[in-house]
Amino acid sequence: MRRVYDRPAFVDWVERFLPDLTDAPGRTILDPIDVESDPDEEIALHFVGLNVSKAWSLAGIADALPGHEYAPILERSAKRHAERGLAQAFTDAYAGSHWLSSFVLYLLTRDEGGIAPE
């Protein structure tokens, strides 16, 4: 939506769409997924990919909300997702090795116009 709406419309949409992110119970949507099982298992690798993709998406939303009270919350969440995802993204298991590296590349190059530049 940040690419479709102008900034005022996007801010309005975010405030209506998301729960109150300043409220602690609402923050659970901002927590990375804990990969409890063996990170080389297929389903676990999909959760790793989800953490990485959420990291670049949350960072992009935060960038689109300069000065908004949600921006620092989203930035912190993006950082936690990136740390969790990058710690487990590099695997020899085919279930993850054939695609996780592209998600990592999108995350690491997002400020260089990597995926969907502004």
PDB file of N, CA and C in Angstrom:
ATOM      1  N   MET A   1       0.820  -1.192   0.000  1.00  0.00           N
ATOM      2  CA  MET A   1       0.000   0.000   0.000  1.00  0.00           C
ATOM      3  C   MET A   1       0.864   1.256   0.000  1.00  0.00           C
ATOM      4  N   ARG A   2       2.086   1.142   0.545  1.00  0.00           N
ATOM      5  CA  ARG A   2       2.955   2.323   0.577  1.00  0.00           C
ATOM      6  C   ARG A   2       3.371   2.748  -0.827  1.00  0.00           C
ATOM      7  N   ARG A   3       3.262   1.854  -1.782  1.00  0.00           N
ATOM      8  CA  ARG A   3       3.607   2.200  -3.158  1.00  0.00           C
ATOM      9  C   ARG A   3       2.395   2.688  -3.955  1.00  0.00           C
ATOM     10  N   VAL A   4       1.219   2.489  -3.401  1.00  0.00           N
ATOM     11  CA  VAL A   4      -0.017   2.856  -4.101  1.00  0.00           C
ATOM     12  C   VAL A   4      -0.537   4.211  -3.628  1.00  0.00           C
ATOM     13  N   TYR A   5      -0.538   4.412  -2.318  1.00  0.00           N
ATOM     14  CA  TYR A   5      -1.058   5.652  -1.753  1.00  0.00           C
ATOM     15  C   TYR A   5       0.022   6.720  -1.653  1.00  0.00           C
ATOM     16  N   ASP A   6      -0.417   7.997  -1.682  1.00  0.00           N
ATOM     17  CA  ASP A   6       0.516   9.060  -1.321  1.00  0.00           C
ATOM     18  C   ASP A   6       0.700   8.987   0.195  1.00  0.00           C
ATOM     19  N   ARG A   7       1.670   9.721   0.729  1.00  0.00           N
ATOM     20  CA  ARG A   7       2.015   9.578   2.142  1.00  0.00           C
ATOM     21  C   ARG A   7       0.841   9.815   3.085  1.00  0.00           C
ATOM     22  N   PRO A   8       0.069  10.911   2.955  1.00  0.00           N
ATOM     23  CA  PRO A   8      -1.050  11.109   3.899  1.00  0.00           C
ATOM     24  C   PRO A   8      -2.076   9.963   3.844  1.00  0.00           C
ATOM     25  N   ALA A   9      -2.379   9.488   2.653  1.00  0.00           N
ATOM     26  CA  ALA A   9      -3.341   8.385   2.533  1.00  0.00           C
ATOM     27  C   ALA A   9      -2.757   7.099   3.110  1.00  0.00           C
ATOM     28  N   PHE A  10      -1.444   6.886   2.930  1.00  0.00           N
ATOM     29  CA  PHE A  10      -0.809   5.696   3.483  1.00  0.00           C
ATOM     30  C   PHE A  10      -0.829   5.731   5.012  1.00  0.00           C
ATOM     31  N   VAL A  11      -0.505   6.882   5.589  1.00  0.00           N
ATOM     32  CA  VAL A  11      -0.531   7.014   7.053  1.00  0.00           C
ATOM     33  C   VAL A  11      -1.934   6.721   7.568  1.00  0.00           C
ATOM     34  N   ASP A  12      -2.943   7.271   6.912  1.00  0.00           N
ATOM     35  CA  ASP A  12      -4.327   7.020   7.319  1.00  0.00           C
ATOM     36  C   ASP A  12      -4.645   5.532   7.221  1.00  0.00           C
ATOM     37  N   TRP A  13      -4.250   4.898   6.138  1.00  0.00           N
ATOM     38  CA  TRP A  13      -4.502   3.474   5.952  1.00  0.00           C
ATOM     39  C   TRP A  13      -3.811   2.650   7.043  1.00  0.00           C
ATOM     40  N   VAL A  14      -2.545   2.942   7.319  1.00  0.00           N
ATOM     41  CA  VAL A  14      -1.796   2.207   8.345  1.00  0.00           C
ATOM     42  C   VAL A  14      -2.501   2.309   9.692  1.00  0.00           C
ATOM     43  N   GLU A  15      -2.924   3.494  10.040  1.00  0.00           N
ATOM     44  CA  GLU A  15      -3.559   3.704  11.339  1.00  0.00           C
ATOM     45  C   GLU A  15      -4.911   2.991  11.443  1.00  0.00           C
ATOM     46  N   ARG A  16      -5.582   2.803  10.318  1.00  0.00           N
ATOM     47  CA  ARG A  16      -6.853   2.084  10.336  1.00  0.00           C
ATOM     48  C   ARG A  16      -6.654   0.575  10.222  1.00  0.00           C
ATOM     49  N   PHE A  17      -5.638   0.151   9.476  1.00  0.00           N
ATOM     50  CA  PHE A  17      -5.429  -1.270   9.194  1.00  0.00           C
ATOM     51  C   PHE A  17      -4.764  -2.013  10.349  1.00  0.00           C
ATOM     52  N   LEU A  18      -3.717  -1.436  10.916  1.00  0.00           N
ATOM     53  CA  LEU A  18      -2.965  -2.112  11.958  1.00  0.00           C
ATOM     54  C   LEU A  18      -3.565  -1.878  13.341  1.00  0.00           C
ATOM     55  N   PRO A  19      -3.371  -2.831  14.251  1.00  0.00           N
ATOM     56  CA  PRO A  19      -3.744  -2.541  15.637  1.00  0.00           C
ATOM     57  C   PRO A  19      -2.804  -1.467  16.170  1.00  0.00           C
ATOM     58  N   ASP A  20      -3.119  -0.927  17.312  1.00  0.00           N
ATOM     59  CA  ASP A  20      -2.266   0.091  17.918  1.00  0.00           C
ATOM     60  C   ASP A  20      -0.922  -0.536  18.269  1.00  0.00           C
ATOM     61  N   LEU A  21       0.116  -0.161  17.544  1.00  0.00           N
ATOM     62  CA  LEU A  21       1.432  -0.751  17.747  1.00  0.00           C
ATOM     63  C   LEU A  21       2.138  -0.214  18.985  1.00  0.00           C
ATOM     64  N   THR A  22       1.608   0.843  19.571  1.00  0.00           N
ATOM     65  CA  THR A  22       2.200   1.361  20.802  1.00  0.00           C
ATOM     66  C   THR A  22       1.689   0.584  22.012  1.00  0.00           C
ATOM     67  N   ASP A  23       0.673  -0.233  21.808  1.00  0.00           N
ATOM     68  CA  ASP A  23       0.077  -1.045  22.859  1.00  0.00           C
ATOM     69  C   ASP A  23       0.778  -2.408  22.880  1.00  0.00           C
ATOM     70  N   ALA A  24       1.333  -2.799  24.007  1.00  0.00           N
ATOM     71  CA  ALA A  24       2.123  -4.032  24.118  1.00  0.00           C
ATOM     72  C   ALA A  24       1.426  -5.264  23.548  1.00  0.00           C
ATOM     73  N   PRO A  25       0.131  -5.540  23.839  1.00  0.00           N
ATOM     74  CA  PRO A  25      -0.488  -6.744  23.269  1.00  0.00           C
ATOM     75  C   PRO A  25      -0.537  -6.720  21.736  1.00  0.00           C
ATOM     76  N   GLY A  26      -0.607  -5.539  21.147  1.00  0.00           N
ATOM     77  CA  GLY A  26      -0.643  -5.435  19.697  1.00  0.00           C
ATOM     78  C   GLY A  26       0.688  -5.720  19.034  1.00  0.00           C
ATOM     79  N   ARG A  27       1.739  -5.765  19.824  1.00  0.00           N
ATOM     80  CA  ARG A  27       3.069  -5.955  19.266  1.00  0.00           C
ATOM     81  C   ARG A  27       3.350  -7.393  18.865  1.00  0.00           C
ATOM     82  N   THR A  28       2.524  -8.342  19.233  1.00  0.00           N
ATOM     83  CA  THR A  28       2.809  -9.730  18.888  1.00  0.00           C
ATOM     84  C   THR A  28       2.930  -9.926  17.376  1.00  0.00           C
ATOM     85  N   ILE A  29       2.251  -9.130  16.588  1.00  0.00           N
ATOM     86  CA  ILE A  29       2.386  -9.247  15.131  1.00  0.00           C
ATOM     87  C   ILE A  29       3.765  -8.787  14.671  1.00  0.00           C
ATOM     88  N   LEU A  30       4.483  -8.102  15.536  1.00  0.00           N
ATOM     89  CA  LEU A  30       5.806  -7.593  15.197  1.00  0.00           C
ATOM     90  C   LEU A  30       6.934  -8.491  15.691  1.00  0.00           C
ATOM     91  N   ASP A  31       6.587  -9.597  16.317  1.00  0.00           N
ATOM     92  CA  ASP A  31       7.609 -10.509  16.823  1.00  0.00           C
ATOM     93  C   ASP A  31       8.024 -11.497  15.734  1.00  0.00           C
ATOM     94  N   PRO A  32       9.326 -11.752  15.609  1.00  0.00           N
ATOM     95  CA  PRO A  32       9.762 -12.775  14.650  1.00  0.00           C
ATOM     96  C   PRO A  32       9.265 -14.152  15.084  1.00  0.00           C
ATOM     97  N   ILE A  33       9.199 -15.039  14.138  1.00  0.00           N
ATOM     98  CA  ILE A  33       8.802 -16.414  14.432  1.00  0.00           C
ATOM     99  C   ILE A  33      10.005 -17.160  14.986  1.00  0.00           C
ATOM    100  N   ASP A  34       9.797 -17.842  16.091  1.00  0.00           N
ATOM    101  CA  ASP A  34      10.840 -18.699  16.639  1.00  0.00           C
ATOM    102  C   ASP A  34      10.801 -20.019  15.892  1.00  0.00           C
ATOM    103  N   VAL A  35      11.922 -20.386  15.318  1.00  0.00           N
ATOM    104  CA  VAL A  35      12.005 -21.660  14.613  1.00  0.00           C
ATOM    105  C   VAL A  35      12.430 -22.693  15.652  1.00  0.00           C
ATOM    106  N   GLU A  36      11.434 -23.403  16.158  1.00  0.00           N
ATOM    107  CA  GLU A  36      11.652 -24.342  17.249  1.00  0.00           C
ATOM    108  C   GLU A  36      12.270 -25.652  16.769  1.00  0.00           C
ATOM    109  N   SER A  37      11.903 -26.071  15.566  1.00  0.00           N
ATOM    110  CA  SER A  37      12.396 -27.353  15.076  1.00  0.00           C
ATOM    111  C   SER A  37      13.757 -27.181  14.408  1.00  0.00           C
ATOM    112  N   ASP A  38      14.272 -28.265  13.911  1.00  0.00           N
ATOM    113  CA  ASP A  38      15.556 -28.256  13.211  1.00  0.00           C
ATOM    114  C   ASP A  38      15.467 -27.260  12.054  1.00  0.00           C
ATOM    115  N   PRO A  39      16.348 -26.256  12.013  1.00  0.00           N
ATOM    116  CA  PRO A  39      16.255 -25.248  10.954  1.00  0.00           C
ATOM    117  C   PRO A  39      16.452 -25.810   9.553  1.00  0.00           C
ATOM    118  N   ASP A  40      16.916 -27.066   9.421  1.00  0.00           N
ATOM    119  CA  ASP A  40      17.056 -27.657   8.092  1.00  0.00           C
ATOM    120  C   ASP A  40      15.792 -28.385   7.640  1.00  0.00           C
ATOM    121  N   GLU A  41      14.779 -28.464   8.499  1.00  0.00           N
ATOM    122  CA  GLU A  41      13.516 -29.065   8.093  1.00  0.00           C
ATOM    123  C   GLU A  41      12.784 -28.092   7.174  1.00  0.00           C
ATOM    124  N   GLU A  42      12.032 -28.650   6.222  1.00  0.00           N
ATOM    125  CA  GLU A  42      11.381 -27.810   5.206  1.00  0.00           C
ATOM    126  C   GLU A  42      10.486 -26.729   5.802  1.00  0.00           C
ATOM    127  N   ILE A  43       9.615 -27.072   6.718  1.00  0.00           N
ATOM    128  CA  ILE A  43       8.697 -26.069   7.261  1.00  0.00           C
ATOM    129  C   ILE A  43       9.465 -25.012   8.044  1.00  0.00           C
ATOM    130  N   ALA A  44      10.484 -25.400   8.762  1.00  0.00           N
ATOM    131  CA  ALA A  44      11.280 -24.441   9.519  1.00  0.00           C
ATOM    132  C   ALA A  44      11.946 -23.437   8.584  1.00  0.00           C
ATOM    133  N   LEU A  45      12.414 -23.900   7.438  1.00  0.00           N
ATOM    134  CA  LEU A  45      13.065 -22.995   6.491  1.00  0.00           C
ATOM    135  C   LEU A  45      12.081 -21.989   5.915  1.00  0.00           C
ATOM    136  N   HIS A  46      10.829 -22.355   5.801  1.00  0.00           N
ATOM    137  CA  HIS A  46       9.828 -21.393   5.346  1.00  0.00           C
ATOM    138  C   HIS A  46       9.601 -20.312   6.406  1.00  0.00           C
ATOM    139  N   PHE A  47       9.675 -20.680   7.661  1.00  0.00           N
ATOM    140  CA  PHE A  47       9.562 -19.670   8.724  1.00  0.00           C
ATOM    141  C   PHE A  47      10.781 -18.752   8.733  1.00  0.00           C
ATOM    142  N   VAL A  48      11.942 -19.296   8.434  1.00  0.00           N
ATOM    143  CA  VAL A  48      13.148 -18.460   8.308  1.00  0.00           C
ATOM    144  C   VAL A  48      12.929 -17.446   7.190  1.00  0.00           C
ATOM    145  N   GLY A  49      12.425 -17.904   6.058  1.00  0.00           N
ATOM    146  CA  GLY A  49      12.141 -17.008   4.933  1.00  0.00           C
ATOM    147  C   GLY A  49      11.098 -15.958   5.280  1.00  0.00           C
ATOM    148  N   LEU A  50      10.112 -16.340   6.076  1.00  0.00           N
ATOM    149  CA  LEU A  50       9.105 -15.375   6.507  1.00  0.00           C
ATOM    150  C   LEU A  50       9.744 -14.281   7.356  1.00  0.00           C
ATOM    151  N   ASN A  51      10.634 -14.653   8.261  1.00  0.00           N
ATOM    152  CA  ASN A  51      11.319 -13.639   9.067  1.00  0.00           C
ATOM    153  C   ASN A  51      12.124 -12.689   8.196  1.00  0.00           C
ATOM    154  N   VAL A  52      12.821 -13.217   7.201  1.00  0.00           N
ATOM    155  CA  VAL A  52      13.633 -12.364   6.328  1.00  0.00           C
ATOM    156  C   VAL A  52      12.741 -11.453   5.494  1.00  0.00           C
ATOM    157  N   SER A  53      11.674 -11.986   4.920  1.00  0.00           N
ATOM    158  CA  SER A  53      10.804 -11.148   4.090  1.00  0.00           C
ATOM    159  C   SER A  53      10.065 -10.108   4.922  1.00  0.00           C
ATOM    160  N   LYS A  54       9.673 -10.468   6.146  1.00  0.00           N
ATOM    161  CA  LYS A  54       9.045  -9.473   7.015  1.00  0.00           C
ATOM    162  C   LYS A  54      10.038  -8.385   7.385  1.00  0.00           C
ATOM    163  N   ALA A  55      11.310  -8.740   7.527  1.00  0.00           N
ATOM    164  CA  ALA A  55      12.322  -7.734   7.876  1.00  0.00           C
ATOM    165  C   ALA A  55      12.368  -6.642   6.815  1.00  0.00           C
ATOM    166  N   TRP A  56      12.444  -7.017   5.531  1.00  0.00           N
ATOM    167  CA  TRP A  56      12.543  -5.969   4.514  1.00  0.00           C
ATOM    168  C   TRP A  56      11.223  -5.234   4.337  1.00  0.00           C
ATOM    169  N   SER A  57      10.109  -5.912   4.551  1.00  0.00           N
ATOM    170  CA  SER A  57       8.810  -5.252   4.432  1.00  0.00           C
ATOM    171  C   SER A  57       8.576  -4.260   5.573  1.00  0.00           C
ATOM    172  N   LEU A  58       8.871  -4.676   6.798  1.00  0.00           N
ATOM    173  CA  LEU A  58       8.706  -3.782   7.944  1.00  0.00           C
ATOM    174  C   LEU A  58       9.623  -2.569   7.838  1.00  0.00           C
ATOM    175  N   ALA A  59      10.840  -2.788   7.374  1.00  0.00           N
ATOM    176  CA  ALA A  59      11.766  -1.665   7.200  1.00  0.00           C
ATOM    177  C   ALA A  59      11.244  -0.692   6.146  1.00  0.00           C
ATOM    178  N   GLY A  60      10.673  -1.208   5.089  1.00  0.00           N
ATOM    179  CA  GLY A  60      10.105  -0.347   4.053  1.00  0.00           C
ATOM    180  C   GLY A  60       8.931   0.463   4.555  1.00  0.00           C
ATOM    181  N   ILE A  61       8.081  -0.147   5.373  1.00  0.00           N
ATOM    182  CA  ILE A  61       6.949   0.577   5.951  1.00  0.00           C
ATOM    183  C   ILE A  61       7.458   1.661   6.896  1.00  0.00           C
ATOM    184  N   ALA A  62       8.439   1.322   7.715  1.00  0.00           N
ATOM    185  CA  ALA A  62       9.011   2.321   8.627  1.00  0.00           C
ATOM    186  C   ALA A  62       9.586   3.499   7.846  1.00  0.00           C
ATOM    187  N   ASP A  63      10.272   3.213   6.744  1.00  0.00           N
ATOM    188  CA  ASP A  63      10.839   4.281   5.915  1.00  0.00           C
ATOM    189  C   ASP A  63       9.757   5.199   5.350  1.00  0.00           C
ATOM    190  N   ALA A  64       8.574   4.644   5.114  1.00  0.00           N
ATOM    191  CA  ALA A  64       7.479   5.422   4.536  1.00  0.00           C
ATOM    192  C   ALA A  64       6.725   6.233   5.590  1.00  0.00           C
ATOM    193  N   LEU A  65       7.113   6.074   6.860  1.00  0.00           N
ATOM    194  CA  LEU A  65       6.426   6.770   7.953  1.00  0.00           C
ATOM    195  C   LEU A  65       7.383   7.651   8.760  1.00  0.00           C
ATOM    196  N   PRO A  66       8.183   8.484   8.112  1.00  0.00           N
ATOM    197  CA  PRO A  66       9.126   9.295   8.886  1.00  0.00           C
ATOM    198  C   PRO A  66       8.394  10.199   9.867  1.00  0.00           C
ATOM    199  N   GLY A  67       8.873  10.192  11.116  1.00  0.00           N
ATOM    200  CA  GLY A  67       8.277  11.037  12.135  1.00  0.00           C
ATOM    201  C   GLY A  67       7.027  10.466  12.777  1.00  0.00           C
ATOM    202  N   HIS A  68       6.505   9.385  12.259  1.00  0.00           N
ATOM    203  CA  HIS A  68       5.305   8.766  12.828  1.00  0.00           C
ATOM    204  C   HIS A  68       5.702   7.916  14.037  1.00  0.00           C
ATOM    205  N   GLU A  69       4.825   7.826  15.024  1.00  0.00           N
ATOM    206  CA  GLU A  69       5.144   7.067  16.236  1.00  0.00           C
ATOM    207  C   GLU A  69       5.378   5.585  15.966  1.00  0.00           C
ATOM    208  N   TYR A  70       4.876   5.050  14.849  1.00  0.00           N
ATOM    209  CA  TYR A  70       5.086   3.639  14.531  1.00  0.00           C
ATOM    210  C   TYR A  70       6.460   3.373  13.909  1.00  0.00           C
ATOM    211  N   ALA A  71       7.086   4.387  13.325  1.00  0.00           N
ATOM    212  CA  ALA A  71       8.343   4.171  12.596  1.00  0.00           C
ATOM    213  C   ALA A  71       9.420   3.500  13.451  1.00  0.00           C
ATOM    214  N   PRO A  72       9.731   4.001  14.646  1.00  0.00           N
ATOM    215  CA  PRO A  72      10.782   3.330  15.433  1.00  0.00           C
ATOM    216  C   PRO A  72      10.380   1.926  15.886  1.00  0.00           C
ATOM    217  N   ILE A  73       9.104   1.711  16.130  1.00  0.00           N
ATOM    218  CA  ILE A  73       8.627   0.380  16.522  1.00  0.00           C
ATOM    219  C   ILE A  73       8.835  -0.590  15.371  1.00  0.00           C
ATOM    220  N   LEU A  74       8.476  -0.156  14.162  1.00  0.00           N
ATOM    221  CA  LEU A  74       8.643  -1.001  12.979  1.00  0.00           C
ATOM    222  C   LEU A  74      10.122  -1.235  12.665  1.00  0.00           C
ATOM    223  N   GLU A  75      10.945  -0.219  12.868  1.00  0.00           N
ATOM    224  CA  GLU A  75      12.390  -0.379  12.635  1.00  0.00           C
ATOM    225  C   GLU A  75      12.986  -1.415  13.583  1.00  0.00           C
ATOM    226  N   ARG A  76      12.602  -1.354  14.846  1.00  0.00           N
ATOM    227  CA  ARG A  76      13.105  -2.346  15.819  1.00  0.00           C
ATOM    228  C   ARG A  76      12.627  -3.748  15.457  1.00  0.00           C
ATOM    229  N   SER A  77      11.396  -3.852  15.041  1.00  0.00           N
ATOM    230  CA  SER A  77      10.864  -5.159  14.649  1.00  0.00           C
ATOM    231  C   SER A  77      11.594  -5.687  13.411  1.00  0.00           C
ATOM    232  N   ALA A  78      11.841  -4.816  12.452  1.00  0.00           N
ATOM    233  CA  ALA A  78      12.571  -5.224  11.246  1.00  0.00           C
ATOM    234  C   ALA A  78      13.964  -5.732  11.609  1.00  0.00           C
ATOM    235  N   LYS A  79      14.613  -5.055  12.531  1.00  0.00           N
ATOM    236  CA  LYS A  79      15.953  -5.472  12.952  1.00  0.00           C
ATOM    237  C   LYS A  79      15.914  -6.845  13.617  1.00  0.00           C
ATOM    238  N   ARG A  80      14.928  -7.065  14.486  1.00  0.00           N
ATOM    239  CA  ARG A  80      14.813  -8.375  15.152  1.00  0.00           C
ATOM    240  C   ARG A  80      14.523  -9.479  14.137  1.00  0.00           C
ATOM    241  N   HIS A  81      13.645  -9.200  13.169  1.00  0.00           N
ATOM    242  CA  HIS A  81      13.347 -10.183  12.124  1.00  0.00           C
ATOM    243  C   HIS A  81      14.598 -10.484  11.297  1.00  0.00           C
ATOM    244  N   ALA A  82      15.348  -9.445  10.958  1.00  0.00           N
ATOM    245  CA  ALA A  82      16.562  -9.641  10.158  1.00  0.00           C
ATOM    246  C   ALA A  82      17.581 -10.475  10.927  1.00  0.00           C
ATOM    247  N   GLU A  83      17.799 -10.136  12.178  1.00  0.00           N
ATOM    248  CA  GLU A  83      18.769 -10.887  12.976  1.00  0.00           C
ATOM    249  C   GLU A  83      18.368 -12.355  13.080  1.00  0.00           C
ATOM    250  N   ARG A  84      17.108 -12.602  13.361  1.00  0.00           N
ATOM    251  CA  ARG A  84      16.628 -13.981  13.506  1.00  0.00           C
ATOM    252  C   ARG A  84      16.716 -14.717  12.166  1.00  0.00           C
ATOM    253  N   GLY A  85      16.275 -14.072  11.107  1.00  0.00           N
ATOM    254  CA  GLY A  85      16.275 -14.736   9.801  1.00  0.00           C
ATOM    255  C   GLY A  85      17.666 -14.979   9.258  1.00  0.00           C
ATOM    256  N   LEU A  86      18.534 -13.974   9.345  1.00  0.00           N
ATOM    257  CA  LEU A  86      19.882 -14.115   8.791  1.00  0.00           C
ATOM    258  C   LEU A  86      20.701 -15.148   9.558  1.00  0.00           C
ATOM    259  N   ALA A  87      20.407 -15.322  10.823  1.00  0.00           N
ATOM    260  CA  ALA A  87      21.140 -16.308  11.619  1.00  0.00           C
ATOM    261  C   ALA A  87      20.877 -17.734  11.146  1.00  0.00           C
ATOM    262  N   GLN A  88      19.754 -17.940  10.431  1.00  0.00           N
ATOM    263  CA  GLN A  88      19.385 -19.292  10.018  1.00  0.00           C
ATOM    264  C   GLN A  88      19.201 -19.452   8.511  1.00  0.00           C
ATOM    265  N   ALA A  89      19.444 -18.405   7.747  1.00  0.00           N
ATOM    266  CA  ALA A  89      19.121 -18.443   6.321  1.00  0.00           C
ATOM    267  C   ALA A  89      20.103 -19.221   5.467  1.00  0.00           C
ATOM    268  N   PHE A  90      21.294 -19.429   5.941  1.00  0.00           N
ATOM    269  CA  PHE A  90      22.307 -20.082   5.111  1.00  0.00           C
ATOM    270  C   PHE A  90      22.366 -21.559   5.456  1.00  0.00           C
ATOM    271  N   THR A  91      21.892 -22.374   4.540  1.00  0.00           N
ATOM    272  CA  THR A  91      21.762 -23.804   4.769  1.00  0.00           C
ATOM    273  C   THR A  91      22.163 -24.571   3.522  1.00  0.00           C
ATOM    274  N   ASP A  92      22.568 -25.788   3.723  1.00  0.00           N
ATOM    275  CA  ASP A  92      22.860 -26.681   2.600  1.00  0.00           C
ATOM    276  C   ASP A  92      21.628 -27.477   2.188  1.00  0.00           C
ATOM    277  N   ALA A  93      20.578 -27.430   2.993  1.00  0.00           N
ATOM    278  CA  ALA A  93      19.354 -28.173   2.697  1.00  0.00           C
ATOM    279  C   ALA A  93      18.678 -27.559   1.471  1.00  0.00           C
ATOM    280  N   TYR A  94      18.371 -28.387   0.483  1.00  0.00           N
ATOM    281  CA  TYR A  94      17.780 -27.887  -0.758  1.00  0.00           C
ATOM    282  C   TYR A  94      16.486 -27.115  -0.499  1.00  0.00           C
ATOM    283  N   ALA A  95      15.712 -27.543   0.494  1.00  0.00           N
ATOM    284  CA  ALA A  95      14.431 -26.893   0.780  1.00  0.00           C
ATOM    285  C   ALA A  95      14.581 -25.403   1.053  1.00  0.00           C
ATOM    286  N   GLY A  96      15.755 -24.965   1.446  1.00  0.00           N
ATOM    287  CA  GLY A  96      15.973 -23.549   1.696  1.00  0.00           C
ATOM    288  C   GLY A  96      17.050 -22.939   0.830  1.00  0.00           C
ATOM    289  N   SER A  97      18.038 -23.722   0.467  1.00  0.00           N
ATOM    290  CA  SER A  97      19.191 -23.162  -0.244  1.00  0.00           C
ATOM    291  C   SER A  97      18.842 -22.640  -1.630  1.00  0.00           C
ATOM    292  N   HIS A  98      17.786 -23.152  -2.257  1.00  0.00           N
ATOM    293  CA  HIS A  98      17.458 -22.705  -3.611  1.00  0.00           C
ATOM    294  C   HIS A  98      16.662 -21.406  -3.649  1.00  0.00           C
ATOM    295  N   TRP A  99      16.237 -20.891  -2.513  1.00  0.00           N
ATOM    296  CA  TRP A  99      15.484 -19.639  -2.554  1.00  0.00           C
ATOM    297  C   TRP A  99      15.798 -18.664  -1.420  1.00  0.00           C
ATOM    298  N   LEU A 100      16.240 -19.129  -0.281  1.00  0.00           N
ATOM    299  CA  LEU A 100      16.487 -18.217   0.838  1.00  0.00           C
ATOM    300  C   LEU A 100      17.531 -17.155   0.513  1.00  0.00           C
ATOM    301  N   SER A 101      18.527 -17.512  -0.275  1.00  0.00           N
ATOM    302  CA  SER A 101      19.565 -16.527  -0.598  1.00  0.00           C
ATOM    303  C   SER A 101      18.998 -15.335  -1.355  1.00  0.00           C
ATOM    304  N   SER A 102      17.963 -15.551  -2.170  1.00  0.00           N
ATOM    305  CA  SER A 102      17.366 -14.414  -2.878  1.00  0.00           C
ATOM    306  C   SER A 102      16.642 -13.491  -1.895  1.00  0.00           C
ATOM    307  N   PHE A 103      15.984 -14.050  -0.884  1.00  0.00           N
ATOM    308  CA  PHE A 103      15.329 -13.226   0.127  1.00  0.00           C
ATOM    309  C   PHE A 103      16.369 -12.423   0.909  1.00  0.00           C
ATOM    310  N   VAL A 104      17.475 -13.054   1.240  1.00  0.00           N
ATOM    311  CA  VAL A 104      18.560 -12.370   1.946  1.00  0.00           C
ATOM    312  C   VAL A 104      19.082 -11.223   1.096  1.00  0.00           C
ATOM    313  N   LEU A 105      19.252 -11.463  -0.193  1.00  0.00           N
ATOM    314  CA  LEU A 105      19.742 -10.424  -1.098  1.00  0.00           C
ATOM    315  C   LEU A 105      18.772  -9.245  -1.158  1.00  0.00           C
ATOM    316  N   TYR A 106      17.469  -9.520  -1.226  1.00  0.00           N
ATOM    317  CA  TYR A 106      16.475  -8.445  -1.218  1.00  0.00           C
ATOM    318  C   TYR A 106      16.596  -7.601   0.049  1.00  0.00           C
ATOM    319  N   LEU A 107      16.753  -8.271   1.176  1.00  0.00           N
ATOM    320  CA  LEU A 107      16.871  -7.562   2.453  1.00  0.00           C
ATOM    321  C   LEU A 107      18.139  -6.705   2.488  1.00  0.00           C
ATOM    322  N   LEU A 108      19.255  -7.295   2.134  1.00  0.00           N
ATOM    323  CA  LEU A 108      20.533  -6.596   2.268  1.00  0.00           C
ATOM    324  C   LEU A 108      20.729  -5.479   1.247  1.00  0.00           C
ATOM    325  N   THR A 109      19.992  -5.519   0.145  1.00  0.00           N
ATOM    326  CA  THR A 109      20.142  -4.481  -0.885  1.00  0.00           C
ATOM    327  C   THR A 109      18.947  -3.543  -0.959  1.00  0.00           C
ATOM    328  N   ARG A 110      18.031  -3.615  -0.021  1.00  0.00           N
ATOM    329  CA  ARG A 110      16.805  -2.821  -0.108  1.00  0.00           C
ATOM    330  C   ARG A 110      17.077  -1.325  -0.137  1.00  0.00           C
ATOM    331  N   ASP A 111      18.121  -0.859   0.513  1.00  0.00           N
ATOM    332  CA  ASP A 111      18.440   0.561   0.494  1.00  0.00           C
ATOM    333  C   ASP A 111      19.197   0.975  -0.759  1.00  0.00           C
ATOM    334  N   GLU A 112      19.533   0.019  -1.588  1.00  0.00           N
ATOM    335  CA  GLU A 112      20.261   0.307  -2.820  1.00  0.00           C
ATOM    336  C   GLU A 112      19.357   0.141  -4.029  1.00  0.00           C
ATOM    337  N   GLY A 113      18.050   0.152  -3.819  1.00  0.00           N
ATOM    338  CA  GLY A 113      17.107  -0.005  -4.922  1.00  0.00           C
ATOM    339  C   GLY A 113      16.954  -1.459  -5.319  1.00  0.00           C
ATOM    340  N   GLY A 114      17.311  -2.375  -4.417  1.00  0.00           N
ATOM    341  CA  GLY A 114      17.250  -3.799  -4.704  1.00  0.00           C
ATOM    342  C   GLY A 114      15.870  -4.245  -5.164  1.00  0.00           C
ATOM    343  N   ILE A 115      14.953  -4.383  -4.253  1.00  0.00           N
ATOM    344  CA  ILE A 115      13.604  -4.808  -4.611  1.00  0.00           C
ATOM    345  C   ILE A 115      12.669  -3.622  -4.467  1.00  0.00           C
ATOM    346  N   ALA A 116      11.931  -3.390  -5.512  1.00  0.00           N
ATOM    347  CA  ALA A 116      10.915  -2.347  -5.541  1.00  0.00           C
ATOM    348  C   ALA A 116      11.409  -1.002  -5.027  1.00  0.00           C
ATOM    349  N   PRO A 117      12.332  -0.378  -5.738  1.00  0.00           N
ATOM    350  CA  PRO A 117      12.788   0.935  -5.302  1.00  0.00           C
ATOM    351  C   PRO A 117      11.645   1.938  -5.297  1.00  0.00           C
ATOM    352  N   GLU A 118      11.771   2.943  -4.463  1.00  0.00           N
ATOM    353  CA  GLU A 118      10.728   3.976  -4.361  1.00  0.00           C
ATOM    354  C   GLU A 118      10.657   4.780  -5.636  1.00  0.00           C
TER     355      GLU A 118
END
